[in-house]
Protein backbone atom coordinates (compact mmCIF):
# COMPACT_ATOMS: atom_id res chain seq x y z
CA MET A 1 1.64 36.06 83.63
CA THR A 2 5.35 35.74 82.94
CA TYR A 3 7.96 38.45 82.47
CA GLN A 4 11.65 38.72 81.64
CA SER A 5 14.14 38.74 84.49
CA THR A 6 17.92 38.59 84.65
CA CYS A 7 19.73 36.60 87.32
CA LEU A 8 23.39 36.48 88.34
CA MET A 9 23.97 32.75 88.69
CA ALA A 10 27.71 32.86 89.41
CA ALA A 11 30.65 35.16 88.74
CA GLY A 12 30.49 36.22 85.10
CA GLN A 13 27.24 34.36 84.45
CA ILE A 14 24.03 36.32 83.85
CA GLU A 15 20.96 34.40 82.70
CA LEU A 16 17.79 35.80 81.16
CA ALA A 17 14.68 33.78 81.94
CA ASP A 18 10.92 34.02 82.15
CA ALA A 19 9.72 34.58 85.71
CA GLN A 20 6.22 34.08 87.06
CA MET A 21 4.38 37.15 88.28
CA PRO A 22 3.26 36.70 91.93
CA SER A 23 -0.52 36.43 92.26
CA THR A 24 -0.62 38.83 95.22
CA ILE A 25 1.20 42.01 96.23
CA GLU A 26 2.59 42.37 99.75
CA PRO A 27 0.82 45.04 101.85
CA GLY A 28 2.57 48.39 101.53
CA PHE A 29 4.14 47.41 98.21
CA VAL A 30 3.18 48.44 94.67
CA ARG A 31 3.70 46.60 91.39
CA LEU A 32 6.04 48.34 88.95
CA LYS A 33 7.25 47.98 85.37
CA MET A 34 10.88 48.95 84.96
CA ALA A 35 11.40 51.93 82.64
CA THR A 36 15.15 52.58 82.75
CA ALA A 37 17.87 51.24 85.01
CA SER A 38 21.61 51.89 85.11
CA LEU A 39 24.73 49.98 86.02
CA CYS A 40 26.67 50.74 89.18
CA GLY A 41 30.22 49.76 90.04
CA THR A 42 28.87 47.45 92.73
CA ASP A 43 26.90 45.55 90.06
CA LEU A 44 30.19 45.05 88.24
CA HIS A 45 31.90 43.77 91.40
CA TYR A 46 29.14 41.21 91.93
CA TYR A 47 29.32 40.24 88.26
CA ARG A 48 33.09 39.73 88.44
CA HIS A 49 33.45 38.16 91.88
CA PHE A 50 29.95 37.19 93.16
CA ALA A 51 30.95 39.50 96.02
CA ASN A 52 31.53 43.17 96.78
CA ALA A 53 33.57 44.87 99.52
CA GLY A 54 33.79 41.70 101.59
CA PHE A 55 30.11 40.76 101.22
CA GLU A 56 29.59 37.47 99.35
CA LEU A 57 26.35 36.38 97.72
CA ASP A 58 24.87 33.21 99.17
CA ASN A 59 22.76 32.38 96.13
CA PRO A 60 21.82 33.68 92.67
CA VAL A 61 20.25 37.14 92.67
CA THR A 62 18.91 39.78 90.30
CA LEU A 63 21.22 42.79 90.35
CA GLY A 64 20.31 46.46 90.00
CA HIS A 65 19.51 49.26 92.45
CA GLU A 66 19.45 52.32 90.17
CA ALA A 67 16.16 52.58 88.28
CA CYS A 68 12.87 54.29 87.65
CA ALA A 69 9.60 52.57 86.85
CA HIS A 70 5.93 52.98 86.00
CA VAL A 71 3.20 52.02 88.46
CA VAL A 72 1.19 49.01 87.27
CA ASP A 73 -0.84 48.28 90.42
CA ALA A 74 -0.96 50.85 93.23
CA ASN A 75 -2.26 48.21 95.68
CA GLY A 76 -4.28 50.73 97.71
CA SER A 77 -1.50 53.33 97.95
CA ALA A 78 -1.83 56.98 96.96
CA LEU A 79 0.16 56.37 93.78
CA LEU A 80 -1.70 56.43 90.48
CA PRO A 81 -1.39 53.77 87.75
CA ASP A 82 1.05 54.63 84.93
CA THR A 83 2.83 57.20 87.12
CA LEU A 84 6.58 57.37 86.60
CA VAL A 85 8.43 56.99 89.90
CA ALA A 86 12.04 57.35 91.01
CA LEU A 87 13.09 54.41 93.17
CA ASN A 88 14.88 54.93 96.47
CA PRO A 89 16.50 51.52 97.04
CA ILE A 90 17.06 52.04 100.78
CA ILE A 91 14.33 50.24 102.73
CA ASN A 92 15.13 51.41 106.24
CA CYS A 93 13.57 50.19 109.48
CA GLY A 94 12.56 53.62 110.81
CA LEU A 95 13.15 52.47 114.39
CA CYS A 96 16.90 52.28 115.03
CA GLU A 97 18.97 55.12 116.47
CA GLN A 98 20.28 56.12 113.05
CA CYS A 99 16.84 56.21 111.44
CA LEU A 100 15.43 58.32 114.26
CA ILE A 101 18.01 61.04 113.58
CA GLY A 102 17.55 60.90 109.82
CA GLN A 103 20.61 58.83 108.94
CA ILE A 104 18.79 56.17 106.93
CA ASN A 105 22.01 55.30 105.09
CA LEU A 106 23.38 53.93 108.37
CA CYS A 107 20.23 52.02 109.37
CA THR A 108 21.23 48.85 111.21
CA ALA A 109 18.37 46.80 109.74
CA LYS A 110 17.91 48.21 106.25
CA ARG A 111 17.18 46.10 103.19
CA PHE A 112 18.77 46.87 99.85
CA PRO A 113 17.98 45.22 96.50
CA GLY A 114 20.57 43.34 94.47
CA SER A 115 23.06 43.26 97.33
CA ALA A 116 24.77 40.68 99.53
CA THR A 117 24.35 43.04 102.50
CA THR A 118 20.69 42.02 102.78
CA LYS A 119 20.07 38.46 103.97
CA PRO A 120 18.14 36.74 102.63
CA HIS A 121 19.04 38.59 99.45
CA MET A 122 16.45 40.81 97.82
CA ASP A 123 16.25 40.78 94.03
CA GLY A 124 17.12 44.03 92.30
CA PHE A 125 15.71 46.01 89.40
CA PHE A 126 17.19 44.32 86.32
CA ARG A 127 13.85 42.70 85.48
CA GLU A 128 10.72 43.69 83.63
CA TYR A 129 8.34 43.79 86.61
CA PHE A 130 8.81 43.85 90.39
CA ASP A 131 7.08 44.83 93.62
CA PHE A 132 8.59 47.53 95.84
CA PRO A 133 7.51 49.57 98.90
CA ALA A 134 5.24 52.47 97.99
CA THR A 135 7.15 54.68 100.44
CA CYS A 136 10.29 54.21 98.32
CA CYS A 137 8.56 55.41 95.15
CA ARG A 138 8.82 59.14 94.42
CA PRO A 139 6.29 60.13 91.73
CA VAL A 140 7.33 62.64 89.07
CA ALA A 141 5.61 64.40 86.20
CA ALA A 142 4.97 62.45 83.02
CA ASP A 143 7.33 64.68 81.01
CA VAL A 144 10.42 63.74 83.06
CA ASN A 145 12.83 61.69 80.95
CA PRO A 146 13.22 58.18 82.46
CA ASP A 147 16.80 58.10 81.17
CA HIS A 148 17.49 61.09 83.42
CA LEU A 149 15.41 59.86 86.35
CA THR A 150 17.47 56.68 86.67
CA PHE A 151 20.31 58.97 87.80
CA ALA A 152 18.40 59.83 91.00
CA GLU A 153 20.09 57.22 93.20
CA PRO A 154 23.72 57.72 92.07
CA LEU A 155 23.23 61.50 91.96
CA ALA A 156 21.95 61.38 95.54
CA CYS A 157 25.11 59.48 96.55
CA ALA A 158 27.24 62.13 94.85
CA MET A 159 25.27 64.93 96.50
CA HIS A 160 25.77 63.30 99.90
CA SER A 161 29.53 63.33 99.30
CA VAL A 162 29.29 67.01 98.36
CA ASN A 163 27.39 67.72 101.58
CA VAL A 164 29.85 65.70 103.66
CA GLY A 165 32.57 67.85 102.07
CA GLN A 166 30.73 71.02 103.17
CA ILE A 167 30.83 72.33 99.61
CA LYS A 168 29.00 75.57 98.99
CA GLU A 169 28.89 78.42 96.51
CA GLY A 170 32.42 79.63 95.81
CA SER A 171 34.16 76.52 97.17
CA GLU A 172 37.29 75.38 95.34
CA VAL A 173 36.76 71.67 94.72
CA LEU A 174 38.89 68.93 93.19
CA VAL A 175 37.30 65.67 92.07
CA THR A 176 39.78 62.82 91.64
CA GLY A 177 38.43 60.21 89.26
CA CYS A 178 36.04 60.95 86.40
CA GLY A 179 34.16 57.68 86.30
CA PRO A 180 30.36 57.84 86.58
CA MET A 181 30.35 58.74 90.28
CA GLY A 182 33.10 61.32 89.92
CA LEU A 183 31.24 62.92 87.03
CA LEU A 184 28.04 63.05 89.07
CA ALA A 185 29.99 64.60 91.96
CA ILE A 186 31.10 67.29 89.51
CA VAL A 187 27.48 67.85 88.47
CA ALA A 188 26.42 68.07 92.13
CA ALA A 189 29.24 70.40 93.21
CA ALA A 190 28.72 72.69 90.22
CA ALA A 191 25.00 72.85 91.04
CA LYS A 192 26.00 74.21 94.46
CA GLY A 193 27.96 77.00 92.77
CA ALA A 194 31.40 75.56 93.48
CA ARG A 195 34.36 75.94 91.14
CA VAL A 196 35.31 72.40 90.22
CA THR A 197 38.58 70.98 88.90
CA ALA A 198 38.65 67.41 87.62
CA THR A 199 41.49 64.93 87.32
CA ASP A 200 41.74 61.44 85.88
CA ILE A 201 44.27 59.25 84.10
CA ARG A 202 42.17 59.43 80.90
CA ALA A 203 42.01 62.57 78.77
CA GLU A 204 38.58 61.69 77.37
CA THR A 205 36.95 61.56 80.80
CA VAL A 206 38.57 64.85 81.84
CA ASP A 207 37.09 66.36 78.67
CA LEU A 208 33.70 64.88 79.61
CA ALA A 209 34.04 66.39 83.09
CA LYS A 210 34.33 69.83 81.49
CA GLN A 211 31.05 69.20 79.65
CA VAL A 212 29.15 68.54 82.89
CA GLY A 213 30.42 71.31 85.15
CA ALA A 214 34.18 71.25 85.70
CA SER A 215 35.87 74.59 85.07
CA GLU A 216 39.20 72.93 84.33
CA GLY A 217 40.90 69.57 84.46
CA PHE A 218 44.27 67.87 84.31
CA ILE A 219 45.66 64.41 83.66
CA SER A 220 47.04 62.79 86.79
CA GLY A 221 50.66 61.66 86.67
CA THR A 222 51.69 64.48 84.33
CA THR A 223 54.00 67.45 84.87
CA GLU A 224 50.93 69.68 85.20
CA ALA A 225 49.65 67.50 88.02
CA ALA A 226 53.02 67.62 89.79
CA GLU A 227 53.03 71.42 89.63
CA ARG A 228 49.63 71.77 91.31
CA THR A 229 49.56 73.31 94.78
CA ALA A 230 47.27 72.85 97.79
CA THR A 231 44.48 75.25 96.81
CA PHE A 232 41.34 73.16 97.27
CA ASP A 233 38.86 73.55 100.12
CA THR A 234 37.48 70.07 99.47
CA VAL A 235 38.63 67.07 97.47
CA ILE A 236 36.12 64.37 96.53
CA GLU A 237 37.97 61.09 96.00
CA ALA A 238 35.96 59.10 93.46
CA SER A 239 38.54 56.85 91.83
CA GLY A 240 39.29 54.19 94.43
CA SER A 241 43.00 54.66 93.72
CA ALA A 242 45.56 54.92 96.50
CA HIS A 243 47.58 57.22 94.22
CA ALA A 244 44.56 59.52 93.91
CA PHE A 245 44.06 59.50 97.68
CA ASN A 246 47.65 60.66 98.12
CA LEU A 247 47.02 63.37 95.51
CA ALA A 248 43.94 64.45 97.46
CA LEU A 249 45.94 64.73 100.69
CA ASN A 250 48.60 66.72 98.85
CA LEU A 251 46.29 69.20 97.10
CA VAL A 252 43.70 69.87 99.79
CA LYS A 253 44.22 73.03 101.83
CA ARG A 254 45.30 72.97 105.46
CA GLN A 255 42.24 72.03 107.52
CA GLY A 256 40.48 71.09 104.30
CA ILE A 257 38.20 68.11 103.76
CA VAL A 258 38.72 64.94 101.74
CA SER A 259 35.32 63.34 101.13
CA ILE A 260 35.64 59.65 100.24
CA LEU A 261 33.05 58.64 97.63
CA SER A 262 34.85 55.49 96.48
CA ASN A 263 36.04 52.21 97.91
CA ILE A 264 39.81 52.76 98.03
CA GLN A 265 41.42 49.58 96.75
CA LEU A 266 44.31 48.04 98.65
CA SER A 267 47.62 48.23 96.81
CA ASP A 268 51.34 48.40 97.41
CA THR A 269 51.16 52.18 97.27
CA ARG A 270 52.14 53.80 100.53
CA ILE A 271 49.39 56.09 101.84
CA GLU A 272 50.86 59.40 102.98
CA LEU A 273 48.92 59.49 106.25
CA HIS A 274 51.33 61.99 107.78
CA ARG A 275 49.71 64.72 105.64
CA ILE A 276 46.45 64.24 107.55
CA MET A 277 48.21 65.14 110.78
CA LEU A 278 50.53 67.86 109.46
CA LYS A 279 47.74 69.71 107.63
CA GLU A 280 44.89 68.83 110.01
CA VAL A 281 42.99 67.36 107.07
CA ARG A 282 39.55 65.95 107.79
CA VAL A 283 39.06 62.67 105.93
CA LEU A 284 35.36 61.80 105.91
CA GLY A 285 33.56 58.79 104.53
CA SER A 286 30.45 59.23 102.40
CA PHE A 287 28.01 56.33 102.13
CA GLN A 288 24.79 56.35 100.13
CA PHE A 289 22.48 59.26 101.01
CA ASN A 290 19.76 60.66 103.27
CA ARG A 291 17.67 63.70 102.34
CA GLU A 292 19.75 63.98 99.17
CA PHE A 293 17.48 61.55 97.29
CA GLU A 294 14.62 64.05 97.32
CA GLU A 295 17.04 66.84 96.40
CA ALA A 296 18.37 64.79 93.49
CA VAL A 297 14.88 64.09 92.15
CA ARG A 298 13.97 67.78 92.34
CA LEU A 299 17.11 68.76 90.44
CA ILE A 300 16.35 66.18 87.76
CA GLU A 301 12.75 67.44 87.56
CA SER A 302 14.07 70.97 87.00
CA GLY A 303 15.69 69.88 83.75
CA THR A 304 18.75 72.04 84.43
CA LEU A 305 21.37 69.32 84.89
CA PRO A 306 23.70 68.27 82.03
CA LEU A 307 22.84 64.57 82.18
CA ASP A 308 22.74 63.63 78.49
CA PRO A 309 26.56 63.73 78.10
CA LEU A 310 26.80 61.19 80.94
CA ILE A 311 24.90 58.50 79.00
CA ALA A 312 27.60 56.37 77.41
CA ALA A 313 25.50 53.48 76.08
CA GLN A 314 22.07 51.87 76.33
CA PHE A 315 21.19 48.18 76.20
CA PRO A 316 17.91 46.27 76.31
CA LEU A 317 17.26 44.17 79.39
CA SER A 318 18.01 41.06 77.33
CA GLN A 319 21.60 42.25 76.92
CA THR A 320 22.43 43.02 80.54
CA ALA A 321 25.44 40.69 80.37
CA GLU A 322 26.78 42.55 77.33
CA ALA A 323 26.29 45.84 79.16
CA LEU A 324 28.31 44.56 82.12
CA GLU A 325 31.03 43.32 79.78
CA LEU A 326 31.24 46.78 78.22
CA MET A 327 31.58 48.31 81.67
CA LEU A 328 34.25 45.75 82.54
CA SER A 329 36.23 46.61 79.41
CA GLY A 330 36.44 50.27 80.39
CA GLY A 331 35.11 51.18 76.96
CA ALA A 332 32.28 53.40 78.21
CA ALA A 333 32.92 56.87 79.63
CA GLY A 334 29.80 57.58 81.66
CA LYS A 335 26.73 55.61 82.67
CA ILE A 336 25.41 52.51 80.92
CA LEU A 337 21.62 52.28 80.86
CA ILE A 338 19.41 49.19 80.80
CA LYS A 339 16.05 49.64 79.07
CA SER A 340 12.92 47.55 79.43
CA LEU A 341 13.02 46.53 75.78
CA ALA A 342 13.11 43.23 73.95
CA ALA A 343 15.36 44.40 71.12
CA ASN A 344 18.43 42.38 70.20
CA ALA A 345 20.79 45.31 69.68
CA PRO A 346 22.07 48.10 71.92
CA CYS A 347 19.89 51.19 71.93
CA ALA A 348 21.44 54.36 70.55
CA ALA A 349 23.13 56.44 73.22
């Protein structure tokens, strides 16, 4: 049996080809059919540079680590055929010091699909069928929308940043950057009962932030931004901008927390590190997730999250390259979904 699979051959070069289904399934794995996947900023970095954050791909690979799927062959596991499952892409060792204390995101031997961090590389989810560990498959009810369930992984990352920032009910929170991860951080913080303010350089994404949980927002670089004072208990930096990091250090309260959800890009901008010392600011990194994956799935199952406004566009698997080009252009405010369809036109958002 053959199936459709995408493959990143080189920077800017995605190929769609027929792949051969393996005749056997590895013990502990199940066979899945992709339902919905979504693009991540790391997919875009690999697409542009064949590398991400200093990690270079050694060979062509299938991208994608945000997805949900239907079980095709349970391979002796407790999962039932046709069950919709959320996919946790972290395959941790369970034996290292970090795993033993529940920090699977920091596992020293973890495997991760569609990433140069795993050697040899492990193909990701932008393909019609694939095998994946049963322990990484979280079954959900049949009435859960796959377009929502594909948010489980990025939402878990956002929730981890919220937890790192010690955000709770009543917290005053600023989110800098209203790209997909910033928007999900707003969703996650609002779900905790925090009062969230959003800022971005684009008015349309600030407006979108207000649709998904922000109480107010402002455009960075404006007079309104300059007049803001240090009133925030926590700032989640989700833009990757050095300017935004300086804004975070300026607007966080004394002894407040700046939770870093983004890869801050090097630039000629001078980082105002003295504010960390003068205000005793705690700057904390936030990487992937731990228990938050289960929490994210439960929230999605509840049907209470405003996820529909976050869907900017949908493409069939055959147009993964076009989806990445749209993301590269900056023309999509929100998440871009990849559907397991053979159509030749983008799906309606």
